[in-house]
Amino acid sequence: MWGTSRQGTFTFVIAVLLTFSIFNLVTIWERITAYRRYQKAQTFSYVGNDFPERLPLKKLAGFVDYTFLNTSADFPIHGPDAESIWNSIYPDGFGFVRLGEERRILCVSMFHQLHCVDKLRRALDNPDDPIATIPHLQHCLNYLRQMILCASDVTLEPEEFDATQRATDASGVGVTHTCRDSSIVYETINENYANWKSYWETIKDDVPHP
């Protein structure tokens, strides 16, 4: 029996060590891949379609658990502060970055999506808003539809019941999702904008004005 117990313990220890080894290898591989992607980003010409598929982040963006809250009141559809509140979710430069030697302007998809959400909000607030036109809204709805399908979040949300105990809806409030750490994205974009601003200060006097 003692021999069997020792064998079981040995097997367990080996399994744990293998698990940690695999985890470490995966982590190292992810970091190497991210670094190679960052290095490769330095070799693009940024002319035409010659640019990286994804924003080269300054460091690896991991994943975090985020519990969805009922913060609807914090992001109102209308009101005197609605515009500034929704604008506060953008980083410096409103989600646009300048990459390559020629500092080509590119939009980060995350903020294109938030832009579309805000345009839908503006249409609800004021149907006559000149920016929230029907073609613009149709584009945004279709764009968000494709982005939601692209993410394919399969997190399960519990149903909610009315007074008669009939299942009516699922709000998603209180449900925890595994999300990309967006703070790294904000940090990278803000740093990119600061670099662009410093560069612009050195050349603005040399740029011809009409």
C-alpha atoms as a PDB file:
ATOM      1  CA  MET A   1       0.000   0.000   0.000  1.00  0.00           C
ATOM      2  CA  TRP A   2       2.882   2.349   0.863  1.00  0.00           C
ATOM      3  CA  GLY A   3       4.405   1.712  -2.538  1.00  0.00           C
ATOM      4  CA  THR A   4       1.107   2.475  -4.239  1.00  0.00           C
ATOM      5  CA  SER A   5       0.749   5.681  -2.212  1.00  0.00           C
ATOM      6  CA  ARG A   6       4.274   6.804  -3.099  1.00  0.00           C
ATOM      7  CA  GLN A   7       3.637   6.041  -6.754  1.00  0.00           C
ATOM      8  CA  GLY A   8       0.425   8.076  -6.672  1.00  0.00           C
ATOM      9  CA  THR A   9       2.195  11.002  -5.016  1.00  0.00           C
ATOM     10  CA  PHE A  10       5.032  10.824  -7.540  1.00  0.00           C
ATOM     11  CA  THR A  11       2.531  10.792 -10.416  1.00  0.00           C
ATOM     12  CA  PHE A  12       0.707  13.787  -8.930  1.00  0.00           C
ATOM     13  CA  VAL A  13       3.946  15.765  -8.524  1.00  0.00           C
ATOM     14  CA  ILE A  14       4.969  14.978 -12.098  1.00  0.00           C
ATOM     15  CA  ALA A  15       1.538  16.075 -13.352  1.00  0.00           C
ATOM     16  CA  VAL A  16       1.786  19.366 -11.441  1.00  0.00           C
ATOM     17  CA  LEU A  17       5.308  20.018 -12.732  1.00  0.00           C
ATOM     18  CA  LEU A  18       4.212  19.269 -16.291  1.00  0.00           C
ATOM     19  CA  THR A  19       1.245  21.616 -15.926  1.00  0.00           C
ATOM     20  CA  PHE A  20       3.451  24.452 -14.679  1.00  0.00           C
ATOM     21  CA  SER A  21       6.009  23.740 -17.407  1.00  0.00           C
ATOM     22  CA  ILE A  22       3.360  23.885 -20.118  1.00  0.00           C
ATOM     23  CA  PHE A  23       1.922  27.085 -18.631  1.00  0.00           C
ATOM     24  CA  ASN A  24       5.365  28.695 -18.538  1.00  0.00           C
ATOM     25  CA  LEU A  25       6.117  27.617 -22.095  1.00  0.00           C
ATOM     26  CA  VAL A  26       2.818  29.071 -23.312  1.00  0.00           C
ATOM     27  CA  THR A  27       3.486  32.324 -21.441  1.00  0.00           C
ATOM     28  CA  ILE A  28       7.018  32.572 -22.835  1.00  0.00           C
ATOM     29  CA  TRP A  29       5.766  31.786 -26.343  1.00  0.00           C
ATOM     30  CA  GLU A  30       3.100  34.495 -26.080  1.00  0.00           C
ATOM     31  CA  ARG A  31       5.713  37.024 -25.010  1.00  0.00           C
ATOM     32  CA  ILE A  32       8.090  35.977 -27.787  1.00  0.00           C
ATOM     33  CA  THR A  33       5.261  36.182 -30.323  1.00  0.00           C
ATOM     34  CA  ALA A  34       4.260  39.629 -29.059  1.00  0.00           C
ATOM     35  CA  TYR A  35       7.880  40.812 -29.217  1.00  0.00           C
ATOM     36  CA  ARG A  36       8.321  39.441 -32.732  1.00  0.00           C
ATOM     37  CA  ARG A  37       5.096  41.144 -33.763  1.00  0.00           C
ATOM     38  CA  TYR A  38       6.431  44.388 -32.284  1.00  0.00           C
ATOM     39  CA  GLN A  39       9.754  43.947 -34.096  1.00  0.00           C
ATOM     40  CA  LYS A  40       7.997  43.132 -37.354  1.00  0.00           C
ATOM     41  CA  ALA A  41       5.931  46.285 -36.989  1.00  0.00           C
ATOM     42  CA  GLN A  42       9.137  48.278 -37.332  1.00  0.00           C
ATOM     43  CA  THR A  43       9.720  46.862 -40.833  1.00  0.00           C
ATOM     44  CA  PHE A  44       6.448  47.928 -42.457  1.00  0.00           C
ATOM     45  CA  SER A  45       6.480  50.768 -44.955  1.00  0.00           C
ATOM     46  CA  TYR A  46       2.975  51.926 -43.926  1.00  0.00           C
ATOM     47  CA  VAL A  47       2.261  52.668 -47.578  1.00  0.00           C
ATOM     48  CA  GLY A  48      -0.940  51.283 -49.075  1.00  0.00           C
ATOM     49  CA  ASN A  49      -1.831  48.011 -47.356  1.00  0.00           C
ATOM     50  CA  ASP A  50       1.667  47.464 -45.977  1.00  0.00           C
ATOM     51  CA  PHE A  51       0.949  47.915 -42.275  1.00  0.00           C
ATOM     52  CA  PRO A  52       0.421  45.468 -39.364  1.00  0.00           C
ATOM     53  CA  GLU A  53      -3.004  43.945 -38.790  1.00  0.00           C
ATOM     54  CA  ARG A  54      -2.966  44.947 -35.125  1.00  0.00           C
ATOM     55  CA  LEU A  55      -1.674  47.888 -33.151  1.00  0.00           C
ATOM     56  CA  PRO A  56       1.835  47.073 -31.852  1.00  0.00           C
ATOM     57  CA  LEU A  57       1.300  47.357 -28.096  1.00  0.00           C
ATOM     58  CA  LYS A  58       4.151  48.597 -25.911  1.00  0.00           C
ATOM     59  CA  LYS A  59       3.774  45.457 -23.778  1.00  0.00           C
ATOM     60  CA  LEU A  60       1.746  42.264 -23.801  1.00  0.00           C
ATOM     61  CA  ALA A  61      -1.928  42.902 -23.034  1.00  0.00           C
ATOM     62  CA  GLY A  62      -3.154  40.063 -20.884  1.00  0.00           C
ATOM     63  CA  PHE A  63      -6.703  39.203 -19.896  1.00  0.00           C
ATOM     64  CA  VAL A  64      -8.641  40.307 -16.832  1.00  0.00           C
ATOM     65  CA  ASP A  65     -11.939  39.270 -15.267  1.00  0.00           C
ATOM     66  CA  TYR A  66     -14.460  42.098 -15.439  1.00  0.00           C
ATOM     67  CA  THR A  67     -17.903  42.032 -13.843  1.00  0.00           C
ATOM     68  CA  PHE A  68     -20.472  44.026 -15.794  1.00  0.00           C
ATOM     69  CA  LEU A  69     -22.241  46.656 -13.690  1.00  0.00           C
ATOM     70  CA  ASN A  70     -25.423  48.644 -14.173  1.00  0.00           C
ATOM     71  CA  THR A  71     -23.692  51.917 -15.043  1.00  0.00           C
ATOM     72  CA  SER A  72     -26.347  53.150 -17.478  1.00  0.00           C
ATOM     73  CA  ALA A  73     -26.933  56.282 -15.403  1.00  0.00           C
ATOM     74  CA  ASP A  74     -23.241  57.150 -15.702  1.00  0.00           C
ATOM     75  CA  PHE A  75     -23.470  57.236 -19.505  1.00  0.00           C
ATOM     76  CA  PRO A  76     -26.707  59.108 -20.285  1.00  0.00           C
ATOM     77  CA  ILE A  77     -28.279  59.280 -23.730  1.00  0.00           C
ATOM     78  CA  HIS A  78     -29.062  62.974 -23.413  1.00  0.00           C
ATOM     79  CA  GLY A  79     -28.439  65.874 -21.077  1.00  0.00           C
ATOM     80  CA  PRO A  80     -25.980  68.759 -20.772  1.00  0.00           C
ATOM     81  CA  ASP A  81     -23.067  66.497 -19.841  1.00  0.00           C
ATOM     82  CA  ALA A  82     -23.778  63.556 -22.162  1.00  0.00           C
ATOM     83  CA  GLU A  83     -21.396  64.682 -24.905  1.00  0.00           C
ATOM     84  CA  SER A  84     -18.426  65.243 -22.597  1.00  0.00           C
ATOM     85  CA  ILE A  85     -19.090  62.010 -20.682  1.00  0.00           C
ATOM     86  CA  TRP A  86     -19.066  59.906 -23.838  1.00  0.00           C
ATOM     87  CA  ASN A  87     -16.007  61.744 -25.159  1.00  0.00           C
ATOM     88  CA  SER A  88     -14.173  60.852 -21.940  1.00  0.00           C
ATOM     89  CA  ILE A  89     -13.950  57.189 -22.988  1.00  0.00           C
ATOM     90  CA  TYR A  90     -11.556  58.082 -25.812  1.00  0.00           C
ATOM     91  CA  PRO A  91      -7.783  58.266 -25.361  1.00  0.00           C
ATOM     92  CA  ASP A  92      -5.751  61.210 -26.613  1.00  0.00           C
ATOM     93  CA  GLY A  93      -6.224  61.506 -30.369  1.00  0.00           C
ATOM     94  CA  PHE A  94      -9.673  59.852 -30.217  1.00  0.00           C
ATOM     95  CA  GLY A  95      -8.309  56.396 -31.016  1.00  0.00           C
ATOM     96  CA  PHE A  96      -6.199  57.340 -34.035  1.00  0.00           C
ATOM     97  CA  VAL A  97      -2.486  56.528 -34.088  1.00  0.00           C
ATOM     98  CA  ARG A  98       0.381  57.639 -36.309  1.00  0.00           C
ATOM     99  CA  LEU A  99       2.775  54.882 -37.293  1.00  0.00           C
ATOM    100  CA  GLY A 100       5.872  54.540 -39.446  1.00  0.00           C
ATOM    101  CA  GLU A 101       8.414  57.078 -40.603  1.00  0.00           C
ATOM    102  CA  GLU A 102       5.737  59.062 -42.414  1.00  0.00           C
ATOM    103  CA  ARG A 103       3.447  58.814 -39.364  1.00  0.00           C
ATOM    104  CA  ARG A 104       0.537  57.352 -41.245  1.00  0.00           C
ATOM    105  CA  ILE A 105      -2.834  57.849 -39.540  1.00  0.00           C
ATOM    106  CA  LEU A 106      -4.650  54.616 -38.641  1.00  0.00           C
ATOM    107  CA  CYS A 107      -7.736  54.009 -36.509  1.00  0.00           C
ATOM    108  CA  VAL A 108      -7.778  51.422 -33.705  1.00  0.00           C
ATOM    109  CA  SER A 109     -10.881  49.257 -34.153  1.00  0.00           C
ATOM    110  CA  MET A 110     -11.874  49.395 -30.470  1.00  0.00           C
ATOM    111  CA  PHE A 111     -12.491  53.128 -30.754  1.00  0.00           C
ATOM    112  CA  HIS A 112     -14.232  52.858 -34.113  1.00  0.00           C
ATOM    113  CA  GLN A 113     -16.699  50.601 -32.299  1.00  0.00           C
ATOM    114  CA  LEU A 114     -17.137  53.086 -29.448  1.00  0.00           C
ATOM    115  CA  HIS A 115     -17.561  55.862 -32.010  1.00  0.00           C
ATOM    116  CA  CYS A 116     -20.443  53.916 -33.544  1.00  0.00           C
ATOM    117  CA  VAL A 117     -22.079  53.349 -30.160  1.00  0.00           C
ATOM    118  CA  ASP A 118     -21.889  57.093 -29.526  1.00  0.00           C
ATOM    119  CA  LYS A 119     -23.407  57.911 -32.919  1.00  0.00           C
ATOM    120  CA  LEU A 120     -26.365  55.646 -32.133  1.00  0.00           C
ATOM    121  CA  ARG A 121     -26.699  57.517 -28.845  1.00  0.00           C
ATOM    122  CA  ARG A 122     -26.691  60.847 -30.667  1.00  0.00           C
ATOM    123  CA  ALA A 123     -29.422  59.640 -33.021  1.00  0.00           C
ATOM    124  CA  LEU A 124     -31.579  58.654 -30.038  1.00  0.00           C
ATOM    125  CA  ASP A 125     -30.938  62.026 -28.426  1.00  0.00           C
ATOM    126  CA  ASN A 126     -31.614  64.041 -31.569  1.00  0.00           C
ATOM    127  CA  PRO A 127     -32.967  62.370 -34.736  1.00  0.00           C
ATOM    128  CA  ASP A 128     -31.996  65.516 -36.670  1.00  0.00           C
ATOM    129  CA  ASP A 129     -28.333  65.371 -35.620  1.00  0.00           C
ATOM    130  CA  PRO A 130     -26.378  66.164 -38.828  1.00  0.00           C
ATOM    131  CA  ILE A 131     -23.640  63.688 -37.892  1.00  0.00           C
ATOM    132  CA  ALA A 132     -25.976  60.780 -37.092  1.00  0.00           C
ATOM    133  CA  THR A 133     -27.294  60.393 -40.631  1.00  0.00           C
ATOM    134  CA  ILE A 134     -29.105  57.263 -41.828  1.00  0.00           C
ATOM    135  CA  PRO A 135     -26.157  56.062 -43.991  1.00  0.00           C
ATOM    136  CA  HIS A 136     -23.797  56.633 -41.045  1.00  0.00           C
ATOM    137  CA  LEU A 137     -26.108  54.762 -38.665  1.00  0.00           C
ATOM    138  CA  GLN A 138     -26.565  51.900 -41.127  1.00  0.00           C
ATOM    139  CA  HIS A 139     -22.792  51.603 -41.410  1.00  0.00           C
ATOM    140  CA  CYS A 140     -22.426  51.608 -37.620  1.00  0.00           C
ATOM    141  CA  LEU A 141     -25.137  48.988 -37.030  1.00  0.00           C
ATOM    142  CA  ASN A 142     -23.609  46.662 -39.596  1.00  0.00           C
ATOM    143  CA  TYR A 143     -20.094  47.282 -38.286  1.00  0.00           C
ATOM    144  CA  LEU A 144     -21.110  46.525 -34.691  1.00  0.00           C
ATOM    145  CA  ARG A 145     -23.023  43.444 -35.844  1.00  0.00           C
ATOM    146  CA  GLN A 146     -19.877  42.064 -37.442  1.00  0.00           C
ATOM    147  CA  MET A 147     -17.703  42.957 -34.443  1.00  0.00           C
ATOM    148  CA  ILE A 148     -20.068  41.161 -32.034  1.00  0.00           C
ATOM    149  CA  LEU A 149     -20.022  38.077 -34.247  1.00  0.00           C
ATOM    150  CA  CYS A 150     -16.234  38.354 -34.461  1.00  0.00           C
ATOM    151  CA  ALA A 151     -15.877  38.352 -30.664  1.00  0.00           C
ATOM    152  CA  SER A 152     -18.455  35.525 -30.234  1.00  0.00           C
ATOM    153  CA  ASP A 153     -18.552  35.948 -26.448  1.00  0.00           C
ATOM    154  CA  VAL A 154     -20.081  32.730 -25.065  1.00  0.00           C
ATOM    155  CA  THR A 155     -20.299  33.865 -21.419  1.00  0.00           C
ATOM    156  CA  LEU A 156     -23.559  32.609 -19.894  1.00  0.00           C
ATOM    157  CA  GLU A 157     -26.009  35.107 -18.389  1.00  0.00           C
ATOM    158  CA  PRO A 158     -28.813  34.105 -15.983  1.00  0.00           C
ATOM    159  CA  GLU A 159     -32.396  34.864 -16.931  1.00  0.00           C
ATOM    160  CA  GLU A 160     -34.484  37.430 -15.087  1.00  0.00           C
ATOM    161  CA  PHE A 161     -38.074  36.923 -13.930  1.00  0.00           C
ATOM    162  CA  ASP A 162     -41.096  39.202 -13.746  1.00  0.00           C
ATOM    163  CA  ALA A 163     -43.640  39.319 -10.900  1.00  0.00           C
ATOM    164  CA  THR A 164     -45.295  36.140 -12.175  1.00  0.00           C
ATOM    165  CA  GLN A 165     -41.949  34.302 -12.181  1.00  0.00           C
ATOM    166  CA  ARG A 166     -41.934  34.213 -15.957  1.00  0.00           C
ATOM    167  CA  ALA A 167     -38.481  34.419 -17.528  1.00  0.00           C
ATOM    168  CA  THR A 168     -38.442  37.673 -19.463  1.00  0.00           C
ATOM    169  CA  ASP A 169     -34.911  38.799 -20.202  1.00  0.00           C
ATOM    170  CA  ALA A 170     -31.216  38.715 -19.326  1.00  0.00           C
ATOM    171  CA  SER A 171     -29.598  42.006 -18.325  1.00  0.00           C
ATOM    172  CA  GLY A 172     -26.031  40.741 -18.049  1.00  0.00           C
ATOM    173  CA  VAL A 173     -25.545  42.802 -14.879  1.00  0.00           C
ATOM    174  CA  GLY A 174     -23.317  41.050 -12.349  1.00  0.00           C
ATOM    175  CA  VAL A 175     -21.931  38.623 -14.921  1.00  0.00           C
ATOM    176  CA  THR A 176     -18.140  38.277 -15.101  1.00  0.00           C
ATOM    177  CA  HIS A 177     -16.453  38.220 -18.504  1.00  0.00           C
ATOM    178  CA  THR A 178     -12.840  37.525 -19.411  1.00  0.00           C
ATOM    179  CA  CYS A 179     -11.668  40.687 -21.159  1.00  0.00           C
ATOM    180  CA  ARG A 180      -8.513  41.993 -22.765  1.00  0.00           C
ATOM    181  CA  ASP A 181      -6.714  44.463 -20.504  1.00  0.00           C
ATOM    182  CA  SER A 182      -7.741  47.691 -22.223  1.00  0.00           C
ATOM    183  CA  SER A 183      -5.463  49.800 -20.006  1.00  0.00           C
ATOM    184  CA  ILE A 184      -2.490  48.680 -22.122  1.00  0.00           C
ATOM    185  CA  VAL A 185      -4.300  49.847 -25.261  1.00  0.00           C
ATOM    186  CA  TYR A 186      -4.997  53.263 -23.736  1.00  0.00           C
ATOM    187  CA  GLU A 187      -1.401  53.529 -22.524  1.00  0.00           C
ATOM    188  CA  THR A 188      -0.001  52.692 -25.964  1.00  0.00           C
ATOM    189  CA  ILE A 189      -2.279  55.130 -27.801  1.00  0.00           C
ATOM    190  CA  ASN A 190      -1.685  57.973 -25.344  1.00  0.00           C
ATOM    191  CA  GLU A 191       2.073  57.493 -25.674  1.00  0.00           C
ATOM    192  CA  ASN A 192       1.762  57.446 -29.467  1.00  0.00           C
ATOM    193  CA  TYR A 193      -0.197  60.703 -29.383  1.00  0.00           C
ATOM    194  CA  ALA A 194       2.338  62.336 -27.055  1.00  0.00           C
ATOM    195  CA  ASN A 195       5.141  61.368 -29.448  1.00  0.00           C
ATOM    196  CA  TRP A 196       3.170  62.762 -32.378  1.00  0.00           C
ATOM    197  CA  LYS A 197       2.481  66.000 -30.519  1.00  0.00           C
ATOM    198  CA  SER A 198       6.174  66.439 -29.716  1.00  0.00           C
ATOM    199  CA  TYR A 199       7.071  65.785 -33.349  1.00  0.00           C
ATOM    200  CA  TRP A 200       4.438  68.243 -34.586  1.00  0.00           C
ATOM    201  CA  GLU A 201       5.848  70.974 -32.366  1.00  0.00           C
ATOM    202  CA  THR A 202       9.195  70.604 -34.149  1.00  0.00           C
ATOM    203  CA  ILE A 203       7.800  70.813 -37.695  1.00  0.00           C
ATOM    204  CA  LYS A 204       4.640  72.924 -37.544  1.00  0.00           C
ATOM    205  CA  ASP A 205       6.460  76.135 -38.491  1.00  0.00           C
ATOM    206  CA  ASP A 206       7.835  74.436 -41.612  1.00  0.00           C
ATOM    207  CA  VAL A 207       4.437  73.221 -42.838  1.00  0.00           C
ATOM    208  CA  PRO A 208       3.109  75.515 -45.593  1.00  0.00           C
ATOM    209  CA  HIS A 209      -0.264  77.108 -44.893  1.00  0.00           C
ATOM    210  CA  PRO A 210      -2.744  78.008 -47.645  1.00  0.00           C
END
